[in-house]
PDB file of all heavy atoms in Angstrom:
ATOM      1  N   HIS A   1      18.762  -2.896  -2.814  1.00  0.00           N
ATOM      2  CA  HIS A   1      18.744  -2.198  -4.102  1.00  0.00           C
ATOM      3  C   HIS A   1      17.334  -2.141  -4.694  1.00  0.00           C
ATOM      4  O   HIS A   1      17.166  -2.128  -5.920  1.00  0.00           O
ATOM      5  CB  HIS A   1      19.701  -2.859  -5.094  1.00  0.00           C
ATOM      6  CG  HIS A   1      21.103  -3.000  -4.573  1.00  0.00           C
ATOM      7  ND1 HIS A   1      21.963  -1.919  -4.436  1.00  0.00           N
ATOM      8  CD2 HIS A   1      21.778  -4.083  -4.103  1.00  0.00           C
ATOM      9  CE1 HIS A   1      23.111  -2.344  -3.935  1.00  0.00           C
ATOM     10  NE2 HIS A   1      23.026  -3.638  -3.711  1.00  0.00           N
ATOM     11  N   GLY A   2      16.311  -2.109  -3.831  1.00  0.00           N
ATOM     12  CA  GLY A   2      14.940  -1.987  -4.293  1.00  0.00           C
ATOM     13  C   GLY A   2      14.409  -3.207  -5.011  1.00  0.00           C
ATOM     14  O   GLY A   2      13.306  -3.159  -5.586  1.00  0.00           O
ATOM     15  N   ARG A   3      15.137  -4.312  -4.979  1.00  0.00           N
ATOM     16  CA  ARG A   3      14.703  -5.506  -5.705  1.00  0.00           C
ATOM     17  C   ARG A   3      13.735  -6.308  -4.847  1.00  0.00           C
ATOM     18  O   ARG A   3      14.109  -6.851  -3.806  1.00  0.00           O
ATOM     19  CB  ARG A   3      15.906  -6.363  -6.092  1.00  0.00           C
ATOM     20  CG  ARG A   3      16.877  -5.652  -7.023  1.00  0.00           C
ATOM     21  CD  ARG A   3      17.908  -6.625  -7.582  1.00  0.00           C
ATOM     22  NE  ARG A   3      18.973  -5.922  -8.291  1.00  0.00           N
ATOM     23  CZ  ARG A   3      20.196  -5.740  -7.815  1.00  0.00           C
ATOM     24  NH1 ARG A   3      20.516  -6.227  -6.622  1.00  0.00           N
ATOM     25  NH2 ARG A   3      21.096  -5.088  -8.512  1.00  0.00           N
ATOM     26  N   VAL A   4      12.508  -6.354  -5.300  1.00  0.00           N
ATOM     27  CA  VAL A   4      11.474  -7.061  -4.569  1.00  0.00           C
ATOM     28  C   VAL A   4      10.496  -7.631  -5.588  1.00  0.00           C
ATOM     29  O   VAL A   4      10.332  -7.088  -6.685  1.00  0.00           O
ATOM     30  CB  VAL A   4      10.747  -6.094  -3.591  1.00  0.00           C
ATOM     31  CG1 VAL A   4      10.033  -4.982  -4.347  1.00  0.00           C
ATOM     32  CG2 VAL A   4       9.781  -6.828  -2.690  1.00  0.00           C
ATOM     33  N   GLU A   5       9.874  -8.745  -5.262  1.00  0.00           N
ATOM     34  CA  GLU A   5       8.876  -9.324  -6.152  1.00  0.00           C
ATOM     35  C   GLU A   5       7.749  -8.298  -6.347  1.00  0.00           C
ATOM     36  O   GLU A   5       7.125  -7.853  -5.385  1.00  0.00           O
ATOM     37  CB  GLU A   5       8.323 -10.608  -5.540  1.00  0.00           C
ATOM     38  CG  GLU A   5       7.147 -11.213  -6.292  1.00  0.00           C
ATOM     39  CD  GLU A   5       7.485 -11.525  -7.745  1.00  0.00           C
ATOM     40  OE1 GLU A   5       8.575 -12.080  -7.986  1.00  0.00           O
ATOM     41  OE2 GLU A   5       6.655 -11.196  -8.614  1.00  0.00           O
ATOM     42  N   PRO A   6       7.479  -7.855  -7.607  1.00  0.00           N
ATOM     43  CA  PRO A   6       6.478  -6.815  -7.833  1.00  0.00           C
ATOM     44  C   PRO A   6       5.120  -7.119  -7.214  1.00  0.00           C
ATOM     45  O   PRO A   6       4.418  -6.207  -6.758  1.00  0.00           O
ATOM     46  CB  PRO A   6       6.393  -6.742  -9.363  1.00  0.00           C
ATOM     47  CG  PRO A   6       7.757  -7.138  -9.825  1.00  0.00           C
ATOM     48  CD  PRO A   6       8.194  -8.213  -8.853  1.00  0.00           C
ATOM     49  N   ALA A   7       4.742  -8.389  -7.173  1.00  0.00           N
ATOM     50  CA  ALA A   7       3.434  -8.742  -6.615  1.00  0.00           C
ATOM     51  C   ALA A   7       3.318  -8.396  -5.133  1.00  0.00           C
ATOM     52  O   ALA A   7       2.208  -8.291  -4.600  1.00  0.00           O
ATOM     53  CB  ALA A   7       3.170 -10.238  -6.815  1.00  0.00           C
ATOM     54  N   LEU A   8       4.454  -8.188  -4.465  1.00  0.00           N
ATOM     55  CA  LEU A   8       4.403  -7.825  -3.051  1.00  0.00           C
ATOM     56  C   LEU A   8       4.045  -6.365  -2.839  1.00  0.00           C
ATOM     57  O   LEU A   8       3.570  -5.986  -1.761  1.00  0.00           O
ATOM     58  CB  LEU A   8       5.750  -8.123  -2.384  1.00  0.00           C
ATOM     59  CG  LEU A   8       6.141  -9.593  -2.255  1.00  0.00           C
ATOM     60  CD1 LEU A   8       7.539  -9.719  -1.657  1.00  0.00           C
ATOM     61  CD2 LEU A   8       5.139 -10.335  -1.390  1.00  0.00           C
ATOM     62  N   VAL A   9       4.286  -5.513  -3.855  1.00  0.00           N
ATOM     63  CA  VAL A   9       4.024  -4.085  -3.686  1.00  0.00           C
ATOM     64  C   VAL A   9       2.943  -3.553  -4.622  1.00  0.00           C
ATOM     65  O   VAL A   9       2.383  -2.483  -4.376  1.00  0.00           O
ATOM     66  CB  VAL A   9       5.312  -3.254  -3.873  1.00  0.00           C
ATOM     67  CG1 VAL A   9       6.321  -3.599  -2.807  1.00  0.00           C
ATOM     68  CG2 VAL A   9       5.921  -3.460  -5.251  1.00  0.00           C
ATOM     69  N   ILE A  10       2.657  -4.271  -5.701  1.00  0.00           N
ATOM     70  CA  ILE A  10       1.600  -3.881  -6.633  1.00  0.00           C
ATOM     71  C   ILE A  10       0.472  -4.901  -6.537  1.00  0.00           C
ATOM     72  O   ILE A  10       0.706  -6.098  -6.617  1.00  0.00           O
ATOM     73  CB  ILE A  10       2.141  -3.813  -8.074  1.00  0.00           C
ATOM     74  CG1 ILE A  10       3.108  -2.643  -8.226  1.00  0.00           C
ATOM     75  CG2 ILE A  10       1.009  -3.689  -9.075  1.00  0.00           C
ATOM     76  CD1 ILE A  10       3.697  -2.504  -9.612  1.00  0.00           C
ATOM     77  N   GLY A  11      -0.735  -4.403  -6.362  1.00  0.00           N
ATOM     78  CA  GLY A  11      -1.882  -5.301  -6.223  1.00  0.00           C
ATOM     79  C   GLY A  11      -2.313  -5.490  -4.788  1.00  0.00           C
ATOM     80  O   GLY A  11      -2.925  -6.500  -4.438  1.00  0.00           O
ATOM     81  N   LEU A  12      -2.039  -4.492  -3.933  1.00  0.00           N
ATOM     82  CA  LEU A  12      -2.424  -4.591  -2.519  1.00  0.00           C
ATOM     83  C   LEU A  12      -3.919  -4.386  -2.319  1.00  0.00           C
ATOM     84  O   LEU A  12      -4.484  -4.860  -1.338  1.00  0.00           O
ATOM     85  CB  LEU A  12      -1.637  -3.563  -1.692  1.00  0.00           C
ATOM     86  CG  LEU A  12      -0.110  -3.706  -1.689  1.00  0.00           C
ATOM     87  CD1 LEU A  12       0.519  -2.608  -0.825  1.00  0.00           C
ATOM     88  CD2 LEU A  12       0.309  -5.080  -1.183  1.00  0.00           C
ATOM     89  N   GLY A  13      -4.547  -3.654  -3.229  1.00  0.00           N
ATOM     90  CA  GLY A  13      -5.992  -3.442  -3.136  1.00  0.00           C
ATOM     91  C   GLY A  13      -6.420  -2.711  -1.886  1.00  0.00           C
ATOM     92  O   GLY A  13      -7.510  -2.959  -1.345  1.00  0.00           O
ATOM     93  N   ALA A  14      -5.610  -1.785  -1.415  1.00  0.00           N
ATOM     94  CA  ALA A  14      -5.870  -1.134  -0.124  1.00  0.00           C
ATOM     95  C   ALA A  14      -6.986  -0.102  -0.170  1.00  0.00           C
ATOM     96  O   ALA A  14      -7.624   0.158   0.852  1.00  0.00           O
ATOM     97  CB  ALA A  14      -4.592  -0.469   0.378  1.00  0.00           C
ATOM     98  N   ALA A  15      -7.234   0.506  -1.344  1.00  0.00           N
ATOM     99  CA  ALA A  15      -8.194   1.620  -1.428  1.00  0.00           C
ATOM    100  C   ALA A  15      -7.934   2.607  -0.284  1.00  0.00           C
ATOM    101  O   ALA A  15      -8.827   2.962   0.488  1.00  0.00           O
ATOM    102  CB  ALA A  15      -9.625   1.114  -1.404  1.00  0.00           C
ATOM    103  N   ALA A  16      -6.700   3.034  -0.179  1.00  0.00           N
ATOM    104  CA  ALA A  16      -6.245   3.818   0.976  1.00  0.00           C
ATOM    105  C   ALA A  16      -7.026   5.107   1.171  1.00  0.00           C
ATOM    106  O   ALA A  16      -7.157   5.594   2.299  1.00  0.00           O
ATOM    107  CB  ALA A  16      -4.759   4.134   0.833  1.00  0.00           C
ATOM    108  N   GLU A  17      -7.568   5.650   0.086  1.00  0.00           N
ATOM    109  CA  GLU A  17      -8.303   6.911   0.204  1.00  0.00           C
ATOM    110  C   GLU A  17      -9.594   6.768   1.016  1.00  0.00           C
ATOM    111  O   GLU A  17     -10.175   7.768   1.439  1.00  0.00           O
ATOM    112  CB  GLU A  17      -8.617   7.478  -1.195  1.00  0.00           C
ATOM    113  CG  GLU A  17      -9.672   6.716  -1.994  1.00  0.00           C
ATOM    114  CD  GLU A  17      -9.112   5.510  -2.766  1.00  0.00           C
ATOM    115  OE1 GLU A  17      -7.955   5.119  -2.503  1.00  0.00           O
ATOM    116  OE2 GLU A  17      -9.846   4.970  -3.615  1.00  0.00           O
ATOM    117  N   THR A  18     -10.019   5.522   1.250  1.00  0.00           N
ATOM    118  CA  THR A  18     -11.262   5.306   1.989  1.00  0.00           C
ATOM    119  C   THR A  18     -11.048   5.133   3.487  1.00  0.00           C
ATOM    120  O   THR A  18     -12.029   5.027   4.235  1.00  0.00           O
ATOM    121  CB  THR A  18     -11.991   4.061   1.444  1.00  0.00           C
ATOM    122  OG1 THR A  18     -11.196   2.885   1.719  1.00  0.00           O
ATOM    123  CG2 THR A  18     -12.231   4.183  -0.049  1.00  0.00           C
ATOM    124  N   ASP A  19      -9.794   5.072   3.945  1.00  0.00           N
ATOM    125  CA  ASP A  19      -9.567   4.881   5.388  1.00  0.00           C
ATOM    126  C   ASP A  19      -8.514   5.847   5.922  1.00  0.00           C
ATOM    127  O   ASP A  19      -7.609   5.467   6.666  1.00  0.00           O
ATOM    128  CB  ASP A  19      -9.212   3.429   5.708  1.00  0.00           C
ATOM    129  CG  ASP A  19      -7.807   3.033   5.241  1.00  0.00           C
ATOM    130  OD1 ASP A  19      -7.266   3.719   4.364  1.00  0.00           O
ATOM    131  OD2 ASP A  19      -7.269   2.055   5.777  1.00  0.00           O
ATOM    132  N   LEU A  20      -8.656   7.113   5.564  1.00  0.00           N
ATOM    133  CA  LEU A  20      -7.697   8.131   5.998  1.00  0.00           C
ATOM    134  C   LEU A  20      -7.610   8.221   7.516  1.00  0.00           C
ATOM    135  O   LEU A  20      -6.549   8.518   8.071  1.00  0.00           O
ATOM    136  CB  LEU A  20      -8.088   9.487   5.418  1.00  0.00           C
ATOM    137  CG  LEU A  20      -7.839   9.664   3.907  1.00  0.00           C
ATOM    138  CD1 LEU A  20      -8.454  10.965   3.431  1.00  0.00           C
ATOM    139  CD2 LEU A  20      -6.358   9.631   3.605  1.00  0.00           C
ATOM    140  N   ALA A  21      -8.701   7.983   8.210  1.00  0.00           N
ATOM    141  CA  ALA A  21      -8.711   8.109   9.668  1.00  0.00           C
ATOM    142  C   ALA A  21      -7.775   7.110  10.333  1.00  0.00           C
ATOM    143  O   ALA A  21      -7.319   7.329  11.461  1.00  0.00           O
ATOM    144  CB  ALA A  21     -10.128   7.928  10.199  1.00  0.00           C
ATOM    145  N   ALA A  22      -7.473   6.025   9.632  1.00  0.00           N
ATOM    146  CA  ALA A  22      -6.600   4.991  10.197  1.00  0.00           C
ATOM    147  C   ALA A  22      -5.129   5.273   9.921  1.00  0.00           C
ATOM    148  O   ALA A  22      -4.277   4.440  10.243  1.00  0.00           O
ATOM    149  CB  ALA A  22      -6.974   3.620   9.629  1.00  0.00           C
ATOM    150  N   ARG A  23      -4.832   6.450   9.341  1.00  0.00           N
ATOM    151  CA  ARG A  23      -3.464   6.798   8.966  1.00  0.00           C
ATOM    152  C   ARG A  23      -3.078   8.089   9.693  1.00  0.00           C
ATOM    153  O   ARG A  23      -3.209   9.179   9.139  1.00  0.00           O
ATOM    154  CB  ARG A  23      -3.360   6.951   7.445  1.00  0.00           C
ATOM    155  CG  ARG A  23      -3.733   5.653   6.725  1.00  0.00           C
ATOM    156  CD  ARG A  23      -3.940   5.852   5.225  1.00  0.00           C
ATOM    157  NE  ARG A  23      -4.537   4.658   4.664  1.00  0.00           N
ATOM    158  CZ  ARG A  23      -3.861   3.631   4.128  1.00  0.00           C
ATOM    159  NH1 ARG A  23      -2.540   3.695   4.059  1.00  0.00           N
ATOM    160  NH2 ARG A  23      -4.479   2.578   3.660  1.00  0.00           N
ATOM    161  N   PRO A  24      -2.629   7.980  10.946  1.00  0.00           N
ATOM    162  CA  PRO A  24      -2.334   9.173  11.741  1.00  0.00           C
ATOM    163  C   PRO A  24      -1.178   9.971  11.162  1.00  0.00           C
ATOM    164  O   PRO A  24      -0.324   9.449  10.450  1.00  0.00           O
ATOM    165  CB  PRO A  24      -1.978   8.599  13.121  1.00  0.00           C
ATOM    166  CG  PRO A  24      -1.518   7.204  12.841  1.00  0.00           C
ATOM    167  CD  PRO A  24      -2.340   6.728  11.683  1.00  0.00           C
ATOM    168  N   SER A  25      -1.160  11.266  11.471  1.00  0.00           N
ATOM    169  CA  SER A  25      -0.131  12.154  10.942  1.00  0.00           C
ATOM    170  C   SER A  25       0.146  13.265  11.921  1.00  0.00           C
ATOM    171  O   SER A  25      -0.739  13.696  12.666  1.00  0.00           O
ATOM    172  CB  SER A  25      -0.597  12.750   9.603  1.00  0.00           C
ATOM    173  OG  SER A  25       0.281  13.768   9.173  1.00  0.00           O
TER     174      SER A  25
END
């Protein structure tokens, strides 16, 4: 039911926009 400790999904610090090449599509 989507219940998860918020700290597990918020605060990852991934800066995903800087490593697009590592995200195949």
